Structures are given as C-alpha cells and as structure tokens.
Amino acid sequence: MSSRLSREKINYLSTRILEVLSKNDTVEYLDEPNEVRLSIVRAIEEEMRLYDQLDKKATDKIQSQKKPIEEGSREWEILYRKYYNEELSKLGKLSE
C-alpha cells in the first residue's frame, strides 16, 4: 500500500504550497523562495519515507501471523488498518 509520489508530483506540490504561502501577507521568508520550496520537498519526502516504514511494519506483522492471510482479503485489510494505526499512534500522529 505504498503511497509513492513521483518527483514531478512532489515538485508540483511544493510549488503550489510556495504559491499559497506567497499570497499570505503574514508569511515572511527567511530564505530565498527556491530554498523554501526545497525545504518543502524534503519535508514531503521525509513524511513519505515515514509512512512507507509504517506500511512495511504493518505488512510484516500480518505476514508473521501463524495463519496465512491473503493480501487483499477483508481480514488482511482489517489487520493492516489496525497495525498501521497502532504504529501511527506510537508516533503520536493519530489522535484517538
């Protein structure tokens, strides 16, 4: 269930975010706009890596079950959501 974004999409998103920030009179850049955009790119990539790690942990937990669980089945989906949310909660990224 990887949520990979292409480099093009990340660049597109970072440019749009920078445009929105530029229209906000209360936002002041402490760096050149392109440096700010590159920081946004790094933040998106870091967040994607984190969610990929959570995906792997959830998938590994399912695969470690004694009883084989077919990927895509209802049981697999329920366990995936459960384990993924558990990992997310550990990071404080999910409010319960």
C-alpha atoms as a PDB file:
ATOM      1  CA  MET A   1       0.000   0.000   0.000  1.00  0.00           C
ATOM      2  CA  SER A   2       2.857   2.328  -0.707  1.00  0.00           C
ATOM      3  CA  SER A   3       1.862   5.907  -1.386  1.00  0.00           C
ATOM      4  CA  ARG A   4       4.748   6.921  -3.586  1.00  0.00           C
ATOM      5  CA  LEU A   5       4.597  10.270  -5.303  1.00  0.00           C
ATOM      6  CA  SER A   6       6.700  10.895  -8.363  1.00  0.00           C
ATOM      7  CA  ARG A   7       9.392  13.561  -8.280  1.00  0.00           C
ATOM      8  CA  GLU A   8       7.204  15.602 -10.663  1.00  0.00           C
ATOM      9  CA  LYS A   9       4.247  15.470  -8.275  1.00  0.00           C
ATOM     10  CA  ILE A  10       6.390  16.427  -5.298  1.00  0.00           C
ATOM     11  CA  ASN A  11       7.812  19.383  -7.225  1.00  0.00           C
ATOM     12  CA  TYR A  12       4.316  20.384  -8.334  1.00  0.00           C
ATOM     13  CA  LEU A  13       3.013  20.241  -4.753  1.00  0.00           C
ATOM     14  CA  SER A  14       5.971  22.176  -3.368  1.00  0.00           C
ATOM     15  CA  THR A  15       5.482  24.897  -5.993  1.00  0.00           C
ATOM     16  CA  ARG A  16       1.743  25.161  -5.215  1.00  0.00           C
ATOM     17  CA  ILE A  17       2.446  25.344  -1.459  1.00  0.00           C
ATOM     18  CA  LEU A  18       5.010  28.079  -2.050  1.00  0.00           C
ATOM     19  CA  GLU A  19       2.471  29.988  -4.173  1.00  0.00           C
ATOM     20  CA  VAL A  20      -0.108  29.830  -1.382  1.00  0.00           C
ATOM     21  CA  LEU A  21       2.451  30.993   1.159  1.00  0.00           C
ATOM     22  CA  SER A  22       3.497  33.847  -1.121  1.00  0.00           C
ATOM     23  CA  LYS A  23      -0.081  35.156  -1.248  1.00  0.00           C
ATOM     24  CA  ASN A  24      -0.283  35.265   2.550  1.00  0.00           C
ATOM     25  CA  ASP A  25       0.755  38.704   3.819  1.00  0.00           C
ATOM     26  CA  THR A  26       1.686  37.304   7.226  1.00  0.00           C
ATOM     27  CA  VAL A  27       4.305  34.916   5.803  1.00  0.00           C
ATOM     28  CA  GLU A  28       7.830  36.236   5.638  1.00  0.00           C
ATOM     29  CA  TYR A  29      10.648  34.249   4.019  1.00  0.00           C
ATOM     30  CA  LEU A  30      13.887  33.939   5.925  1.00  0.00           C
ATOM     31  CA  ASP A  31      15.495  32.338   2.874  1.00  0.00           C
ATOM     32  CA  GLU A  32      15.234  32.505  -0.908  1.00  0.00           C
ATOM     33  CA  PRO A  33      11.889  31.183  -2.233  1.00  0.00           C
ATOM     34  CA  ASN A  34      13.565  28.261  -4.014  1.00  0.00           C
ATOM     35  CA  GLU A  35      15.315  27.245  -0.772  1.00  0.00           C
ATOM     36  CA  VAL A  36      11.934  27.314   0.966  1.00  0.00           C
ATOM     37  CA  ARG A  37      10.477  25.187  -1.840  1.00  0.00           C
ATOM     38  CA  LEU A  38      13.349  22.694  -1.484  1.00  0.00           C
ATOM     39  CA  SER A  39      12.657  22.502   2.267  1.00  0.00           C
ATOM     40  CA  ILE A  40       9.050  21.683   1.431  1.00  0.00           C
ATOM     41  CA  VAL A  41      10.244  18.949  -0.958  1.00  0.00           C
ATOM     42  CA  ARG A  42      12.450  17.444   1.774  1.00  0.00           C
ATOM     43  CA  ALA A  43       9.568  17.544   4.271  1.00  0.00           C
ATOM     44  CA  ILE A  44       7.242  15.744   1.843  1.00  0.00           C
ATOM     45  CA  GLU A  45       9.888  13.112   1.074  1.00  0.00           C
ATOM     46  CA  GLU A  46      10.622  12.572   4.768  1.00  0.00           C
ATOM     47  CA  GLU A  47       6.934  12.144   5.547  1.00  0.00           C
ATOM     48  CA  MET A  48       6.558   9.675   2.674  1.00  0.00           C
ATOM     49  CA  ARG A  49       9.512   7.635   3.975  1.00  0.00           C
ATOM     50  CA  LEU A  50       7.896   7.542   7.389  1.00  0.00           C
ATOM     51  CA  TYR A  51       4.584   6.285   6.022  1.00  0.00           C
ATOM     52  CA  ASP A  52       6.405   3.695   3.894  1.00  0.00           C
ATOM     53  CA  GLN A  53       8.094   2.420   7.072  1.00  0.00           C
ATOM     54  CA  LEU A  54       4.702   2.191   8.793  1.00  0.00           C
ATOM     55  CA  ASP A  55       3.338   0.319   5.783  1.00  0.00           C
ATOM     56  CA  LYS A  56       6.207  -2.172   5.974  1.00  0.00           C
ATOM     57  CA  LYS A  57       5.761  -2.699   9.720  1.00  0.00           C
ATOM     58  CA  ALA A  58       2.029  -3.338   9.311  1.00  0.00           C
ATOM     59  CA  THR A  59       2.606  -5.706   6.389  1.00  0.00           C
ATOM     60  CA  ASP A  60       5.365  -7.562   8.279  1.00  0.00           C
ATOM     61  CA  LYS A  61       3.053  -8.049  11.280  1.00  0.00           C
ATOM     62  CA  ILE A  62       0.373  -9.547   9.037  1.00  0.00           C
ATOM     63  CA  GLN A  63       2.874 -11.850   7.342  1.00  0.00           C
ATOM     64  CA  SER A  64       4.168 -13.031  10.725  1.00  0.00           C
ATOM     65  CA  GLN A  65       0.753 -14.435  11.696  1.00  0.00           C
ATOM     66  CA  LYS A  66       0.655 -18.193  12.242  1.00  0.00           C
ATOM     67  CA  LYS A  67      -2.290 -18.493   9.889  1.00  0.00           C
ATOM     68  CA  PRO A  68      -1.557 -17.233   6.362  1.00  0.00           C
ATOM     69  CA  ILE A  69      -3.737 -14.244   5.491  1.00  0.00           C
ATOM     70  CA  GLU A  70      -4.344 -13.487   1.844  1.00  0.00           C
ATOM     71  CA  GLU A  71      -3.410  -9.950   0.886  1.00  0.00           C
ATOM     72  CA  GLY A  72      -6.452  -8.005  -0.259  1.00  0.00           C
ATOM     73  CA  SER A  73      -8.869 -10.100   1.771  1.00  0.00           C
ATOM     74  CA  ARG A  74     -11.194  -8.417   4.257  1.00  0.00           C
ATOM     75  CA  GLU A  75      -9.222  -9.901   7.167  1.00  0.00           C
ATOM     76  CA  TRP A  76      -5.948  -8.591   5.698  1.00  0.00           C
ATOM     77  CA  GLU A  77      -7.431  -5.093   5.247  1.00  0.00           C
ATOM     78  CA  ILE A  78      -8.757  -5.020   8.822  1.00  0.00           C
ATOM     79  CA  LEU A  79      -5.436  -6.172  10.283  1.00  0.00           C
ATOM     80  CA  TYR A  80      -3.489  -3.772   8.067  1.00  0.00           C
ATOM     81  CA  ARG A  81      -5.528  -0.791   9.271  1.00  0.00           C
ATOM     82  CA  LYS A  82      -5.215  -1.953  12.875  1.00  0.00           C
ATOM     83  CA  TYR A  83      -1.431  -2.452  12.765  1.00  0.00           C
ATOM     84  CA  TYR A  84      -0.822   0.673  10.678  1.00  0.00           C
ATOM     85  CA  ASN A  85      -2.842   2.796  13.120  1.00  0.00           C
ATOM     86  CA  GLU A  86      -1.014   1.222  16.068  1.00  0.00           C
ATOM     87  CA  GLU A  87       2.326   2.253  14.555  1.00  0.00           C
ATOM     88  CA  LEU A  88       0.942   5.705  13.780  1.00  0.00           C
ATOM     89  CA  SER A  89      -0.253   6.062  17.374  1.00  0.00           C
ATOM     90  CA  LYS A  90       3.218   5.226  18.652  1.00  0.00           C
ATOM     91  CA  LEU A  91       4.467   8.268  16.744  1.00  0.00           C
ATOM     92  CA  GLY A  92       1.704  10.495  18.079  1.00  0.00           C
ATOM     93  CA  LYS A  93       0.382  11.027  14.550  1.00  0.00           C
ATOM     94  CA  LEU A  94      -3.055   9.621  15.279  1.00  0.00           C
ATOM     95  CA  SER A  95      -5.389  11.157  17.787  1.00  0.00           C
ATOM     96  CA  GLU A  96      -7.699   8.677  19.401  1.00  0.00           C
END
